[in-house]
PDB file of N, CA and C in Angstrom:
ATOM      1  N   UNK A   1       6.497  -9.685  -0.596  1.00  0.00           N
ATOM      2  CA  UNK A   1       6.875  -8.387  -0.069  1.00  0.00           C
ATOM      3  C   UNK A   1       6.966  -8.435   1.461  1.00  0.00           C
ATOM      4  N   UNK A   2       5.996  -9.079   2.069  1.00  0.00           N
ATOM      5  CA  UNK A   2       6.019  -9.180   3.542  1.00  0.00           C
ATOM      6  C   UNK A   2       7.268  -9.900   4.024  1.00  0.00           C
ATOM      7  N   UNK A   3       7.621 -10.978   3.337  1.00  0.00           N
ATOM      8  CA  UNK A   3       8.807 -11.737   3.734  1.00  0.00           C
ATOM      9  C   UNK A   3      10.068 -10.882   3.662  1.00  0.00           C
ATOM     10  N   UNK A   4      10.160 -10.044   2.642  1.00  0.00           N
ATOM     11  CA  UNK A   4      11.333  -9.171   2.502  1.00  0.00           C
ATOM     12  C   UNK A   4      11.384  -8.177   3.661  1.00  0.00           C
ATOM     13  N   UNK A   5      10.246  -7.575   3.975  1.00  0.00           N
ATOM     14  CA  UNK A   5      10.211  -6.605   5.071  1.00  0.00           C
ATOM     15  C   UNK A   5      10.604  -7.257   6.391  1.00  0.00           C
ATOM     16  N   UNK A   6      10.079  -8.444   6.650  1.00  0.00           N
ATOM     17  CA  UNK A   6      10.399  -9.138   7.906  1.00  0.00           C
ATOM     18  C   UNK A   6      11.846  -9.621   7.942  1.00  0.00           C
ATOM     19  N   UNK A   7      12.404  -9.949   6.779  1.00  0.00           N
ATOM     20  CA  UNK A   7      13.782 -10.444   6.740  1.00  0.00           C
ATOM     21  C   UNK A   7      14.812  -9.342   6.964  1.00  0.00           C
ATOM     22  N   UNK A   8      14.386  -8.092   6.850  1.00  0.00           N
ATOM     23  CA  UNK A   8      15.318  -6.970   7.035  1.00  0.00           C
ATOM     24  C   UNK A   8      15.850  -6.900   8.460  1.00  0.00           C
ATOM     25  N   UNK A   9      15.050  -7.332   9.425  1.00  0.00           N
ATOM     26  CA  UNK A   9      15.465  -7.334  10.824  1.00  0.00           C
ATOM     27  C   UNK A   9      14.470  -8.203  11.596  1.00  0.00           C
ATOM     28  N   UNK A  10      14.948  -9.040  12.506  1.00  0.00           N
ATOM     29  CA  UNK A  10      14.023  -9.911  13.236  1.00  0.00           C
ATOM     30  C   UNK A  10      13.044  -9.163  14.136  1.00  0.00           C
ATOM     31  N   UNK A  11      13.301  -7.894  14.425  1.00  0.00           N
ATOM     32  CA  UNK A  11      12.417  -7.121  15.305  1.00  0.00           C
ATOM     33  C   UNK A  11      11.356  -6.322  14.558  1.00  0.00           C
ATOM     34  N   UNK A  12      11.304  -6.425  13.234  1.00  0.00           N
ATOM     35  CA  UNK A  12      10.285  -5.711  12.459  1.00  0.00           C
ATOM     36  C   UNK A  12       8.902  -6.217  12.871  1.00  0.00           C
ATOM     37  N   UNK A  13       7.992  -5.273  13.090  1.00  0.00           N
ATOM     38  CA  UNK A  13       6.622  -5.590  13.485  1.00  0.00           C
ATOM     39  C   UNK A  13       5.681  -5.154  12.368  1.00  0.00           C
ATOM     40  N   UNK A  14       4.741  -6.020  12.047  1.00  0.00           N
ATOM     41  CA  UNK A  14       3.705  -5.697  11.070  1.00  0.00           C
ATOM     42  C   UNK A  14       2.450  -5.299  11.818  1.00  0.00           C
ATOM     43  N   UNK A  15       1.852  -4.196  11.408  1.00  0.00           N
ATOM     44  CA  UNK A  15       0.641  -3.707  12.054  1.00  0.00           C
ATOM     45  C   UNK A  15      -0.278  -3.116  10.989  1.00  0.00           C
ATOM     46  N   UNK A  16      -1.487  -2.830  11.350  1.00  0.00           N
ATOM     47  CA  UNK A  16      -2.443  -2.203  10.439  1.00  0.00           C
ATOM     48  C   UNK A  16      -2.656  -0.763  10.896  1.00  0.00           C
ATOM     49  N   UNK A  17      -2.491   0.154   9.968  1.00  0.00           N
ATOM     50  CA  UNK A  17      -2.761   1.570  10.234  1.00  0.00           C
ATOM     51  C   UNK A  17      -3.716   2.069   9.162  1.00  0.00           C
ATOM     52  N   UNK A  18      -4.357   3.183   9.459  1.00  0.00           N
ATOM     53  CA  UNK A  18      -5.314   3.768   8.522  1.00  0.00           C
ATOM     54  C   UNK A  18      -6.393   2.750   8.126  1.00  0.00           C
ATOM     55  N   UNK A  19      -6.742   1.912   9.061  1.00  0.00           N
ATOM     56  CA  UNK A  19      -7.815   0.925   8.986  1.00  0.00           C
ATOM     57  C   UNK A  19      -7.463  -0.325   8.178  1.00  0.00           C
ATOM     58  N   UNK A  20      -6.740  -0.187   7.077  1.00  0.00           N
ATOM     59  CA  UNK A  20      -6.551  -1.358   6.210  1.00  0.00           C
ATOM     60  C   UNK A  20      -5.116  -1.595   5.738  1.00  0.00           C
ATOM     61  N   UNK A  21      -4.250  -0.617   5.833  1.00  0.00           N
ATOM     62  CA  UNK A  21      -2.919  -0.757   5.249  1.00  0.00           C
ATOM     63  C   UNK A  21      -1.939  -1.456   6.181  1.00  0.00           C
ATOM     64  N   UNK A  22      -1.227  -2.465   5.658  1.00  0.00           N
ATOM     65  CA  UNK A  22      -0.171  -3.073   6.457  1.00  0.00           C
ATOM     66  C   UNK A  22       1.060  -2.160   6.499  1.00  0.00           C
ATOM     67  N   UNK A  23       1.501  -1.875   7.692  1.00  0.00           N
ATOM     68  CA  UNK A  23       2.708  -1.074   7.935  1.00  0.00           C
ATOM     69  C   UNK A  23       3.731  -1.965   8.606  1.00  0.00           C
ATOM     70  N   UNK A  24       4.986  -1.682   8.328  1.00  0.00           N
ATOM     71  CA  UNK A  24       6.088  -2.393   8.951  1.00  0.00           C
ATOM     72  C   UNK A  24       6.894  -1.358   9.713  1.00  0.00           C
ATOM     73  N   UNK A  25       7.084  -1.603  11.004  1.00  0.00           N
ATOM     74  CA  UNK A  25       7.683  -0.603  11.878  1.00  0.00           C
ATOM     75  C   UNK A  25       8.796  -1.208  12.723  1.00  0.00           C
ATOM     76  N   UNK A  26       9.754  -0.373  13.036  1.00  0.00           N
ATOM     77  CA  UNK A  26      10.816  -0.698  13.984  1.00  0.00           C
ATOM     78  C   UNK A  26      11.460   0.628  14.367  1.00  0.00           C
ATOM     79  N   UNK A  27      11.125   1.096  15.558  1.00  0.00           N
ATOM     80  CA  UNK A  27      11.568   2.403  16.039  1.00  0.00           C
ATOM     81  C   UNK A  27      11.176   3.505  15.056  1.00  0.00           C
ATOM     82  N   UNK A  28      10.042   3.328  14.412  1.00  0.00           N
ATOM     83  CA  UNK A  28       9.512   4.265  13.423  1.00  0.00           C
ATOM     84  C   UNK A  28       9.008   3.479  12.222  1.00  0.00           C
ATOM     85  N   UNK A  29       8.316   4.164  11.324  1.00  0.00           N
ATOM     86  CA  UNK A  29       7.815   3.506  10.122  1.00  0.00           C
ATOM     87  C   UNK A  29       8.970   3.120   9.215  1.00  0.00           C
ATOM     88  N   UNK A  30       8.858   1.948   8.620  1.00  0.00           N
ATOM     89  CA  UNK A  30       9.795   1.512   7.591  1.00  0.00           C
ATOM     90  C   UNK A  30       9.108   1.630   6.242  1.00  0.00           C
ATOM     91  N   UNK A  31       7.956   0.968   6.124  1.00  0.00           N
ATOM     92  CA  UNK A  31       7.230   0.995   4.863  1.00  0.00           C
ATOM     93  C   UNK A  31       5.771   0.624   5.103  1.00  0.00           C
ATOM     94  N   UNK A  32       4.971   0.861   4.070  1.00  0.00           N
ATOM     95  CA  UNK A  32       3.571   0.452   4.055  1.00  0.00           C
ATOM     96  C   UNK A  32       3.275  -0.083   2.663  1.00  0.00           C
ATOM     97  N   UNK A  33       2.343  -1.021   2.581  1.00  0.00           N
ATOM     98  CA  UNK A  33       1.970  -1.604   1.299  1.00  0.00           C
ATOM     99  C   UNK A  33       0.562  -1.180   0.932  1.00  0.00           C
ATOM    100  N   UNK A  34       0.366  -0.943  -0.346  1.00  0.00           N
ATOM    101  CA  UNK A  34      -0.961  -0.689  -0.872  1.00  0.00           C
ATOM    102  C   UNK A  34      -1.104  -1.519  -2.142  1.00  0.00           C
ATOM    103  N   UNK A  35      -1.924  -2.545  -2.071  1.00  0.00           N
ATOM    104  CA  UNK A  35      -2.124  -3.431  -3.216  1.00  0.00           C
ATOM    105  C   UNK A  35      -3.265  -2.908  -4.074  1.00  0.00           C
ATOM    106  N   UNK A  36      -3.071  -2.998  -5.373  1.00  0.00           N
ATOM    107  CA  UNK A  36      -4.099  -2.639  -6.339  1.00  0.00           C
ATOM    108  C   UNK A  36      -4.361  -3.863  -7.222  1.00  0.00           C
ATOM    109  N   UNK A  37      -5.207  -3.705  -8.189  1.00  0.00           N
ATOM    110  CA  UNK A  37      -5.606  -4.827  -9.038  1.00  0.00           C
ATOM    111  C   UNK A  37      -4.413  -5.479  -9.730  1.00  0.00           C
ATOM    112  N   UNK A  38      -3.502  -4.672 -10.264  1.00  0.00           N
ATOM    113  CA  UNK A  38      -2.405  -5.235 -11.048  1.00  0.00           C
ATOM    114  C   UNK A  38      -1.016  -4.781 -10.607  1.00  0.00           C
ATOM    115  N   UNK A  39      -0.931  -4.179  -9.428  1.00  0.00           N
ATOM    116  CA  UNK A  39       0.377  -3.744  -8.921  1.00  0.00           C
ATOM    117  C   UNK A  39       0.322  -3.548  -7.407  1.00  0.00           C
ATOM    118  N   UNK A  40       1.503  -3.382  -6.830  1.00  0.00           N
ATOM    119  CA  UNK A  40       1.595  -3.054  -5.408  1.00  0.00           C
ATOM    120  C   UNK A  40       2.528  -1.862  -5.272  1.00  0.00           C
ATOM    121  N   UNK A  41       2.146  -0.928  -4.428  1.00  0.00           N
ATOM    122  CA  UNK A  41       3.005   0.208  -4.105  1.00  0.00           C
ATOM    123  C   UNK A  41       3.571  -0.016  -2.707  1.00  0.00           C
ATOM    124  N   UNK A  42       4.866   0.208  -2.595  1.00  0.00           N
ATOM    125  CA  UNK A  42       5.545   0.137  -1.309  1.00  0.00           C
ATOM    126  C   UNK A  42       5.944   1.562  -0.966  1.00  0.00           C
ATOM    127  N   UNK A  43       5.347   2.114   0.068  1.00  0.00           N
ATOM    128  CA  UNK A  43       5.680   3.457   0.516  1.00  0.00           C
ATOM    129  C   UNK A  43       6.804   3.338   1.535  1.00  0.00           C
ATOM    130  N   UNK A  44       7.953   3.922   1.234  1.00  0.00           N
ATOM    131  CA  UNK A  44       9.100   3.848   2.144  1.00  0.00           C
ATOM    132  C   UNK A  44       9.241   5.177   2.868  1.00  0.00           C
ATOM    133  N   UNK A  45       9.316   5.098   4.174  1.00  0.00           N
ATOM    134  CA  UNK A  45       9.373   6.276   5.032  1.00  0.00           C
ATOM    135  C   UNK A  45      10.824   6.570   5.373  1.00  0.00           C
ATOM    136  N   UNK A  46      11.482   7.256   4.437  1.00  0.00           N
ATOM    137  CA  UNK A  46      12.921   7.482   4.570  1.00  0.00           C
ATOM    138  C   UNK A  46      13.314   8.943   4.488  1.00  0.00           C
ATOM    139  N   UNK A  47      12.337   9.830   4.334  1.00  0.00           N
ATOM    140  CA  UNK A  47      12.650  11.251   4.249  1.00  0.00           C
ATOM    141  C   UNK A  47      13.518  11.613   3.056  1.00  0.00           C
ATOM    142  N   UNK A  48      13.584  10.725   2.091  1.00  0.00           N
ATOM    143  CA  UNK A  48      14.371  10.988   0.886  1.00  0.00           C
ATOM    144  C   UNK A  48      15.869  10.928   1.103  1.00  0.00           C
ATOM    145  N   UNK A  49      16.323  10.297   2.186  1.00  0.00           N
ATOM    146  CA  UNK A  49      17.764  10.297   2.450  1.00  0.00           C
ATOM    147  C   UNK A  49      18.444   8.951   2.204  1.00  0.00           C
ATOM    148  N   UNK A  50      17.684   7.888   1.989  1.00  0.00           N
ATOM    149  CA  UNK A  50      18.309   6.596   1.732  1.00  0.00           C
ATOM    150  C   UNK A  50      18.767   6.567   0.269  1.00  0.00           C
ATOM    151  N   UNK A  51      20.030   6.266   0.024  1.00  0.00           N
ATOM    152  CA  UNK A  51      20.512   6.176  -1.359  1.00  0.00           C
ATOM    153  C   UNK A  51      19.747   5.103  -2.131  1.00  0.00           C
ATOM    154  N   UNK A  52      19.602   5.304  -3.424  1.00  0.00           N
ATOM    155  CA  UNK A  52      18.853   4.378  -4.268  1.00  0.00           C
ATOM    156  C   UNK A  52      19.694   3.963  -5.481  1.00  0.00           C
ATOM    157  N   UNK A  53      20.814   3.281  -5.260  1.00  0.00           N
ATOM    158  CA  UNK A  53      21.690   2.933  -6.381  1.00  0.00           C
ATOM    159  C   UNK A  53      21.065   1.944  -7.363  1.00  0.00           C
ATOM    160  N   UNK A  54      20.023   1.226  -6.949  1.00  0.00           N
ATOM    161  CA  UNK A  54      19.385   0.244  -7.830  1.00  0.00           C
ATOM    162  C   UNK A  54      18.175   0.812  -8.565  1.00  0.00           C
ATOM    163  N   UNK A  55      17.865   2.091  -8.334  1.00  0.00           N
ATOM    164  CA  UNK A  55      16.743   2.720  -9.016  1.00  0.00           C
ATOM    165  C   UNK A  55      15.398   2.133  -8.636  1.00  0.00           C
ATOM    166  N   UNK A  56      15.231   1.819  -7.362  1.00  0.00           N
ATOM    167  CA  UNK A  56      13.972   1.246  -6.888  1.00  0.00           C
ATOM    168  C   UNK A  56      12.829   2.261  -6.871  1.00  0.00           C
ATOM    169  N   UNK A  57      13.127   3.501  -6.531  1.00  0.00           N
ATOM    170  CA  UNK A  57      12.087   4.527  -6.364  1.00  0.00           C
ATOM    171  C   UNK A  57      11.419   4.809  -7.706  1.00  0.00           C
ATOM    172  N   UNK A  58      10.087   4.723  -7.715  1.00  0.00           N
ATOM    173  CA  UNK A  58       9.335   4.981  -8.946  1.00  0.00           C
ATOM    174  C   UNK A  58       8.509   6.262  -8.874  1.00  0.00           C
ATOM    175  N   UNK A  59       8.295   6.812  -7.681  1.00  0.00           N
ATOM    176  CA  UNK A  59       7.514   8.046  -7.539  1.00  0.00           C
ATOM    177  C   UNK A  59       7.866   8.716  -6.215  1.00  0.00           C
ATOM    178  N   UNK A  60       7.564  10.011  -6.155  1.00  0.00           N
ATOM    179  CA  UNK A  60       7.792  10.760  -4.926  1.00  0.00           C
ATOM    180  C   UNK A  60       9.238  11.149  -4.708  1.00  0.00           C
ATOM    181  N   UNK A  61      10.006  11.277  -5.772  1.00  0.00           N
ATOM    182  CA  UNK A  61      11.433  11.574  -5.652  1.00  0.00           C
ATOM    183  C   UNK A  61      11.718  12.817  -4.823  1.00  0.00           C
ATOM    184  N   UNK A  62      10.850  13.791  -4.881  1.00  0.00           N
ATOM    185  CA  UNK A  62      11.066  15.036  -4.139  1.00  0.00           C
ATOM    186  C   UNK A  62      10.222  15.136  -2.874  1.00  0.00           C
ATOM    187  N   UNK A  63       9.561  14.049  -2.495  1.00  0.00           N
ATOM    188  CA  UNK A  63       8.718  14.055  -1.309  1.00  0.00           C
ATOM    189  C   UNK A  63       9.588  14.158  -0.063  1.00  0.00           C
ATOM    190  N   UNK A  64       9.157  14.929   0.902  1.00  0.00           N
ATOM    191  CA  UNK A  64       9.921  15.160   2.122  1.00  0.00           C
ATOM    192  C   UNK A  64       9.776  14.043   3.160  1.00  0.00           C
ATOM    193  N   UNK A  65       8.782  13.174   3.006  1.00  0.00           N
ATOM    194  CA  UNK A  65       8.518  12.149   4.001  1.00  0.00           C
ATOM    195  C   UNK A  65       8.694  10.743   3.447  1.00  0.00           C
ATOM    196  N   UNK A  66       7.960  10.425   2.407  1.00  0.00           N
ATOM    197  CA  UNK A  66       7.957   9.061   1.876  1.00  0.00           C
ATOM    198  C   UNK A  66       8.091   9.076   0.361  1.00  0.00           C
ATOM    199  N   UNK A  67       8.674   8.021  -0.139  1.00  0.00           N
ATOM    200  CA  UNK A  67       8.759   7.817  -1.578  1.00  0.00           C
ATOM    201  C   UNK A  67       8.078   6.493  -1.896  1.00  0.00           C
ATOM    202  N   UNK A  68       7.855   6.223  -3.175  1.00  0.00           N
ATOM    203  CA  UNK A  68       7.120   5.033  -3.586  1.00  0.00           C
ATOM    204  C   UNK A  68       7.983   4.135  -4.465  1.00  0.00           C
ATOM    205  N   UNK A  69       7.860   2.844  -4.194  1.00  0.00           N
ATOM    206  CA  UNK A  69       8.444   1.821  -5.049  1.00  0.00           C
ATOM    207  C   UNK A  69       7.266   1.000  -5.553  1.00  0.00           C
ATOM    208  N   UNK A  70       7.067   0.982  -6.854  1.00  0.00           N
ATOM    209  CA  UNK A  70       5.932   0.267  -7.428  1.00  0.00           C
ATOM    210  C   UNK A  70       6.368  -0.961  -8.203  1.00  0.00           C
ATOM    211  N   UNK A  71       5.581  -2.032  -8.071  1.00  0.00           N
ATOM    212  CA  UNK A  71       5.845  -3.268  -8.798  1.00  0.00           C
ATOM    213  C   UNK A  71       4.569  -3.716  -9.484  1.00  0.00           C
ATOM    214  N   UNK A  72       4.653  -3.939 -10.787  1.00  0.00           N
ATOM    215  CA  UNK A  72       3.520  -4.454 -11.543  1.00  0.00           C
ATOM    216  C   UNK A  72       3.411  -5.957 -11.345  1.00  0.00           C
ATOM    217  N   UNK A  73       2.214  -6.472 -11.505  1.00  0.00           N
ATOM    218  CA  UNK A  73       1.994  -7.913 -11.387  1.00  0.00           C
ATOM    219  C   UNK A  73       2.924  -8.649 -12.344  1.00  0.00           C
ATOM    220  N   UNK A  74       3.598  -9.662 -11.832  1.00  0.00           N
ATOM    221  CA  UNK A  74       4.503 -10.452 -12.652  1.00  0.00           C
ATOM    222  C   UNK A  74       5.910  -9.893 -12.781  1.00  0.00           C
ATOM    223  N   UNK A  75       6.115  -8.682 -12.301  1.00  0.00           N
ATOM    224  CA  UNK A  75       7.434  -8.057 -12.378  1.00  0.00           C
ATOM    225  C   UNK A  75       8.379  -8.707 -11.368  1.00  0.00           C
ATOM    226  N   UNK A  76       9.628  -8.841 -11.761  1.00  0.00           N
ATOM    227  CA  UNK A  76      10.641  -9.408 -10.887  1.00  0.00           C
ATOM    228  C   UNK A  76      10.967  -8.400  -9.779  1.00  0.00           C
ATOM    229  N   UNK A  77      10.902  -8.828  -8.537  1.00  0.00           N
ATOM    230  CA  UNK A  77      11.204  -7.971  -7.391  1.00  0.00           C
ATOM    231  C   UNK A  77      12.675  -8.178  -7.007  1.00  0.00           C
ATOM    232  N   UNK A  78      13.474  -7.112  -7.022  1.00  0.00           N
ATOM    233  CA  UNK A  78      14.887  -7.227  -6.635  1.00  0.00           C
ATOM    234  C   UNK A  78      15.007  -7.356  -5.111  1.00  0.00           C
ATOM    235  N   UNK A  79      14.874  -8.568  -4.622  1.00  0.00           N
ATOM    236  CA  UNK A  79      14.759  -8.831  -3.193  1.00  0.00           C
ATOM    237  C   UNK A  79      15.940  -8.306  -2.390  1.00  0.00           C
ATOM    238  N   UNK A  80      17.147  -8.562  -2.843  1.00  0.00           N
ATOM    239  CA  UNK A  80      18.329  -8.131  -2.081  1.00  0.00           C
ATOM    240  C   UNK A  80      18.402  -6.614  -2.003  1.00  0.00           C
ATOM    241  N   UNK A  81      18.119  -5.930  -3.097  1.00  0.00           N
ATOM    242  CA  UNK A  81      18.162  -4.464  -3.109  1.00  0.00           C
ATOM    243  C   UNK A  81      17.085  -3.875  -2.214  1.00  0.00           C
ATOM    244  N   UNK A  82      15.887  -4.448  -2.256  1.00  0.00           N
ATOM    245  CA  UNK A  82      14.786  -3.951  -1.429  1.00  0.00           C
ATOM    246  C   UNK A  82      15.073  -4.202   0.055  1.00  0.00           C
ATOM    247  N   UNK A  83      15.602  -5.374   0.369  1.00  0.00           N
ATOM    248  CA  UNK A  83      15.959  -5.680   1.748  1.00  0.00           C
ATOM    249  C   UNK A  83      17.019  -4.705   2.257  1.00  0.00           C
ATOM    250  N   UNK A  84      18.023  -4.417   1.454  1.00  0.00           N
ATOM    251  CA  UNK A  84      19.073  -3.470   1.852  1.00  0.00           C
ATOM    252  C   UNK A  84      18.486  -2.079   2.070  1.00  0.00           C
ATOM    253  N   UNK A  85      17.523  -1.688   1.237  1.00  0.00           N
ATOM    254  CA  UNK A  85      16.859  -0.386   1.386  1.00  0.00           C
ATOM    255  C   UNK A  85      16.138  -0.337   2.732  1.00  0.00           C
ATOM    256  N   UNK A  86      15.381  -1.388   3.048  1.00  0.00           N
ATOM    257  CA  UNK A  86      14.679  -1.463   4.332  1.00  0.00           C
ATOM    258  C   UNK A  86      15.670  -1.432   5.497  1.00  0.00           C
ATOM    259  N   UNK A  87      16.778  -2.137   5.364  1.00  0.00           N
ATOM    260  CA  UNK A  87      17.768  -2.174   6.440  1.00  0.00           C
ATOM    261  C   UNK A  87      18.366  -0.796   6.691  1.00  0.00           C
ATOM    262  N   UNK A  88      18.537   0.006   5.637  1.00  0.00           N
ATOM    263  CA  UNK A  88      19.059   1.358   5.835  1.00  0.00           C
ATOM    264  C   UNK A  88      18.032   2.233   6.546  1.00  0.00           C
ATOM    265  N   UNK A  89      16.765   2.079   6.214  1.00  0.00           N
ATOM    266  CA  UNK A  89      15.717   2.825   6.923  1.00  0.00           C
ATOM    267  C   UNK A  89      15.723   2.445   8.399  1.00  0.00           C
ATOM    268  N   UNK A  90      15.849   1.143   8.688  1.00  0.00           N
ATOM    269  CA  UNK A  90      15.887   0.680  10.077  1.00  0.00           C
ATOM    270  C   UNK A  90      17.085   1.280  10.803  1.00  0.00           C
ATOM    271  N   UNK A  91      18.236   1.279  10.165  1.00  0.00           N
ATOM    272  CA  UNK A  91      19.438   1.869  10.778  1.00  0.00           C
ATOM    273  C   UNK A  91      19.216   3.347  11.058  1.00  0.00           C
ATOM    274  N   UNK A  92      18.587   4.056  10.121  1.00  0.00           N
ATOM    275  CA  UNK A  92      18.290   5.474  10.332  1.00  0.00           C
ATOM    276  C   UNK A  92      17.297   5.659  11.474  1.00  0.00           C
ATOM    277  N   UNK A  93      16.278   4.796  11.548  1.00  0.00           N
ATOM    278  CA  UNK A  93      15.321   4.871  12.657  1.00  0.00           C
ATOM    279  C   UNK A  93      16.026   4.701  13.995  1.00  0.00           C
ATOM    280  N   UNK A  94      16.935   3.744  14.053  1.00  0.00           N
ATOM    281  CA  UNK A  94      17.663   3.491  15.298  1.00  0.00           C
ATOM    282  C   UNK A  94      18.612   4.639  15.654  1.00  0.00           C
ATOM    283  N   UNK A  95      19.001   5.405  14.662  1.00  0.00           N
ATOM    284  CA  UNK A  95      19.895   6.547  14.899  1.00  0.00           C
ATOM    285  C   UNK A  95      19.114   7.828  15.183  1.00  0.00           C
ATOM    286  N   UNK A  96      17.811   7.713  15.375  1.00  0.00           N
ATOM    287  CA  UNK A  96      17.005   8.877  15.721  1.00  0.00           C
ATOM    288  C   UNK A  96      15.969   9.256  14.686  1.00  0.00           C
ATOM    289  N   UNK A  97      15.972   8.598  13.546  1.00  0.00           N
ATOM    290  CA  UNK A  97      14.981   8.873  12.510  1.00  0.00           C
ATOM    291  C   UNK A  97      15.486   9.851  11.476  1.00  0.00           C
ATOM    292  N   UNK A  98      14.865   9.809  10.299  1.00  0.00           N
ATOM    293  CA  UNK A  98      15.313  10.632   9.194  1.00  0.00           C
ATOM    294  C   UNK A  98      15.201  12.130   9.485  1.00  0.00           C
ATOM    295  N   UNK A  99      14.207  12.526  10.281  1.00  0.00           N
ATOM    296  CA  UNK A  99      14.065  13.963  10.591  1.00  0.00           C
ATOM    297  C   UNK A  99      15.311  14.474  11.325  1.00  0.00           C
ATOM    298  N   UNK A 100      15.800  13.701  12.281  1.00  0.00           N
ATOM    299  CA  UNK A 100      17.006  14.074  13.015  1.00  0.00           C
ATOM    300  C   UNK A 100      18.228  14.025  12.100  1.00  0.00           C
ATOM    301  N   UNK A 101      18.324  12.962  11.310  1.00  0.00           N
ATOM    302  CA  UNK A 101      19.496  12.784  10.455  1.00  0.00           C
ATOM    303  C   UNK A 101      19.547  13.794   9.316  1.00  0.00           C
ATOM    304  N   UNK A 102      18.386  14.174   8.821  1.00  0.00           N
ATOM    305  CA  UNK A 102      18.311  15.121   7.693  1.00  0.00           C
ATOM    306  C   UNK A 102      18.608  16.544   8.152  1.00  0.00           C
ATOM    307  N   UNK A 103      18.248  16.847   9.409  1.00  0.00           N
ATOM    308  CA  UNK A 103      18.429  18.200   9.934  1.00  0.00           C
ATOM    309  C   UNK A 103      19.820  18.429  10.291  1.00  0.00           C
TER     310      UNK A 103
END
């Protein structure tokens, strides 16, 4: 997952927020990871405006700030689709962020 986030743009920075969670940022939040015993949740900070033609979003469909993409242990991760999703968030961040674009 980290490799996918970093591959979205060479300027992506990984940092720790909320004491333990890895966040990936570039002119705003892109995503955060939360690992559990048998799955990982990827919280994408897109304001619900990034299209999801591959059906990546598993929760938070109506959330105004972030949505969730969940992967169970052993599940195949659609790397190209996830990378494209991250790249769209980065493009939106560079254009002023989802709050500006959504308004």
